[in-house]
Amino acid sequence: VKTRYLSTINKTIMEVKERVINLLSEKLGYDKLEIKENQEFVNDLGTDSLDMAEIVMGIEDEFGLVIGDDEIMQVKTVGDLIKKIENKRMGR
């Protein structure tokens, strides 16, 4: 049972990652294969505050979440955003 639970969690994490990368690709114009979890939004992907606002709105629509301004200020990398979504979906 524990293995099945962990498998489901890993599948969910991969689904979140895929959906985030798809959204970023669409919003920022990068190929999906170019977007990596360790990339920083500002330094590596060249996002500005307007881009981030659009990304947040897209994430909120895609996942049915609300991400506050204070929360998004903590997000520096693609991986940070994925973790933020995972945590919010798990009620953390």
C-alpha atoms as a PDB file:
ATOM      1  CA  VAL A   1       0.000   0.000   0.000  1.00  0.00           C
ATOM      2  CA  LYS A   2       2.833   2.404   0.881  1.00  0.00           C
ATOM      3  CA  THR A   3       4.539   1.764  -2.477  1.00  0.00           C
ATOM      4  CA  ARG A   4       1.290   2.452  -4.332  1.00  0.00           C
ATOM      5  CA  TYR A   5       0.837   5.688  -2.354  1.00  0.00           C
ATOM      6  CA  LEU A   6       4.382   6.846  -3.186  1.00  0.00           C
ATOM      7  CA  SER A   7       3.838   5.913  -6.819  1.00  0.00           C
ATOM      8  CA  THR A   8       0.689   8.051  -6.880  1.00  0.00           C
ATOM      9  CA  ILE A   9       2.555  10.984  -5.303  1.00  0.00           C
ATOM     10  CA  ASN A  10       5.383  10.700  -7.851  1.00  0.00           C
ATOM     11  CA  LYS A  11       2.850  10.546 -10.685  1.00  0.00           C
ATOM     12  CA  THR A  12       1.120  13.652  -9.337  1.00  0.00           C
ATOM     13  CA  ILE A  13       4.433  15.516  -9.033  1.00  0.00           C
ATOM     14  CA  MET A  14       5.314  14.617 -12.628  1.00  0.00           C
ATOM     15  CA  GLU A  15       1.873  15.785 -13.765  1.00  0.00           C
ATOM     16  CA  VAL A  16       2.314  19.128 -11.989  1.00  0.00           C
ATOM     17  CA  LYS A  17       5.789  19.556 -13.493  1.00  0.00           C
ATOM     18  CA  GLU A  18       4.524  18.779 -16.995  1.00  0.00           C
ATOM     19  CA  ARG A  19       1.581  21.170 -16.696  1.00  0.00           C
ATOM     20  CA  VAL A  20       3.800  23.959 -15.331  1.00  0.00           C
ATOM     21  CA  ILE A  21       6.362  23.520 -18.104  1.00  0.00           C
ATOM     22  CA  ASN A  22       3.610  23.503 -20.737  1.00  0.00           C
ATOM     23  CA  LEU A  23       2.193  26.731 -19.328  1.00  0.00           C
ATOM     24  CA  LEU A  24       5.615  28.398 -19.142  1.00  0.00           C
ATOM     25  CA  SER A  25       6.379  27.337 -22.686  1.00  0.00           C
ATOM     26  CA  GLU A  26       3.136  28.883 -23.868  1.00  0.00           C
ATOM     27  CA  LYS A  27       3.499  32.123 -21.873  1.00  0.00           C
ATOM     28  CA  LEU A  28       7.223  32.725 -22.410  1.00  0.00           C
ATOM     29  CA  GLY A  29       7.723  31.281 -25.890  1.00  0.00           C
ATOM     30  CA  TYR A  30      10.360  28.697 -24.961  1.00  0.00           C
ATOM     31  CA  ASP A  31      10.392  25.128 -26.212  1.00  0.00           C
ATOM     32  CA  LYS A  32       9.264  22.751 -23.451  1.00  0.00           C
ATOM     33  CA  LEU A  33      12.602  20.940 -23.583  1.00  0.00           C
ATOM     34  CA  GLU A  34      14.467  24.185 -22.838  1.00  0.00           C
ATOM     35  CA  ILE A  35      12.697  24.758 -19.510  1.00  0.00           C
ATOM     36  CA  LYS A  36      14.415  23.161 -16.508  1.00  0.00           C
ATOM     37  CA  GLU A  37      13.521  23.127 -12.815  1.00  0.00           C
ATOM     38  CA  ASN A  38      16.741  24.864 -11.759  1.00  0.00           C
ATOM     39  CA  GLN A  39      16.224  27.844 -14.068  1.00  0.00           C
ATOM     40  CA  GLU A  40      15.562  31.202 -12.449  1.00  0.00           C
ATOM     41  CA  PHE A  41      12.635  33.169 -13.798  1.00  0.00           C
ATOM     42  CA  VAL A  42      14.448  36.505 -13.985  1.00  0.00           C
ATOM     43  CA  ASN A  43      18.055  35.555 -14.753  1.00  0.00           C
ATOM     44  CA  ASP A  44      17.533  32.504 -16.986  1.00  0.00           C
ATOM     45  CA  LEU A  45      14.077  32.945 -18.507  1.00  0.00           C
ATOM     46  CA  GLY A  46      14.087  36.745 -18.667  1.00  0.00           C
ATOM     47  CA  THR A  47      10.715  37.242 -17.003  1.00  0.00           C
ATOM     48  CA  ASP A  48       9.599  40.607 -15.696  1.00  0.00           C
ATOM     49  CA  SER A  49       6.798  41.460 -13.273  1.00  0.00           C
ATOM     50  CA  LEU A  50       4.164  41.455 -16.036  1.00  0.00           C
ATOM     51  CA  ASP A  51       5.302  37.990 -17.196  1.00  0.00           C
ATOM     52  CA  MET A  52       5.116  36.713 -13.612  1.00  0.00           C
ATOM     53  CA  ALA A  53       1.617  38.143 -13.169  1.00  0.00           C
ATOM     54  CA  GLU A  54       0.507  36.313 -16.329  1.00  0.00           C
ATOM     55  CA  ILE A  55       2.193  33.097 -15.181  1.00  0.00           C
ATOM     56  CA  VAL A  56       0.504  33.305 -11.771  1.00  0.00           C
ATOM     57  CA  MET A  57      -2.909  33.879 -13.375  1.00  0.00           C
ATOM     58  CA  GLY A  58      -2.310  30.915 -15.667  1.00  0.00           C
ATOM     59  CA  ILE A  59      -1.241  28.697 -12.755  1.00  0.00           C
ATOM     60  CA  GLU A  60      -4.259  29.755 -10.705  1.00  0.00           C
ATOM     61  CA  ASP A  61      -6.577  28.913 -13.611  1.00  0.00           C
ATOM     62  CA  GLU A  62      -4.800  25.653 -14.453  1.00  0.00           C
ATOM     63  CA  PHE A  63      -4.744  24.294 -10.902  1.00  0.00           C
ATOM     64  CA  GLY A  64      -7.672  26.105  -9.271  1.00  0.00           C
ATOM     65  CA  LEU A  65      -5.380  27.735  -6.703  1.00  0.00           C
ATOM     66  CA  VAL A  66      -4.822  31.197  -5.327  1.00  0.00           C
ATOM     67  CA  ILE A  67      -1.211  32.298  -4.968  1.00  0.00           C
ATOM     68  CA  GLY A  68      -0.683  35.486  -2.971  1.00  0.00           C
ATOM     69  CA  ASP A  69       1.791  38.212  -3.904  1.00  0.00           C
ATOM     70  CA  ASP A  70       3.875  37.415  -0.817  1.00  0.00           C
ATOM     71  CA  GLU A  71       4.023  33.746  -1.848  1.00  0.00           C
ATOM     72  CA  ILE A  72       5.066  34.435  -5.428  1.00  0.00           C
ATOM     73  CA  MET A  73       7.867  36.716  -4.193  1.00  0.00           C
ATOM     74  CA  GLN A  74       9.478  33.590  -2.668  1.00  0.00           C
ATOM     75  CA  VAL A  75       9.468  31.799  -6.035  1.00  0.00           C
ATOM     76  CA  LYS A  76      12.802  32.209  -7.803  1.00  0.00           C
ATOM     77  CA  THR A  77      13.071  29.068  -9.963  1.00  0.00           C
ATOM     78  CA  VAL A  78      10.774  26.833 -11.981  1.00  0.00           C
ATOM     79  CA  GLY A  79      11.304  24.169  -9.311  1.00  0.00           C
ATOM     80  CA  ASP A  80      10.204  26.620  -6.605  1.00  0.00           C
ATOM     81  CA  LEU A  81       6.963  27.191  -8.488  1.00  0.00           C
ATOM     82  CA  ILE A  82       6.351  23.457  -8.887  1.00  0.00           C
ATOM     83  CA  LYS A  83       6.930  22.920  -5.146  1.00  0.00           C
ATOM     84  CA  LYS A  84       4.634  25.832  -4.285  1.00  0.00           C
ATOM     85  CA  ILE A  85       1.840  24.272  -6.364  1.00  0.00           C
ATOM     86  CA  GLU A  86       2.400  20.820  -4.872  1.00  0.00           C
ATOM     87  CA  ASN A  87       2.310  22.230  -1.336  1.00  0.00           C
ATOM     88  CA  LYS A  88      -0.850  24.217  -1.984  1.00  0.00           C
ATOM     89  CA  ARG A  89      -2.551  21.183  -3.503  1.00  0.00           C
ATOM     90  CA  MET A  90      -1.644  19.168  -0.402  1.00  0.00           C
ATOM     91  CA  GLY A  91      -2.978  21.897   1.887  1.00  0.00           C
ATOM     92  CA  ARG A  92       0.403  23.091   3.150  1.00  0.00           C
END
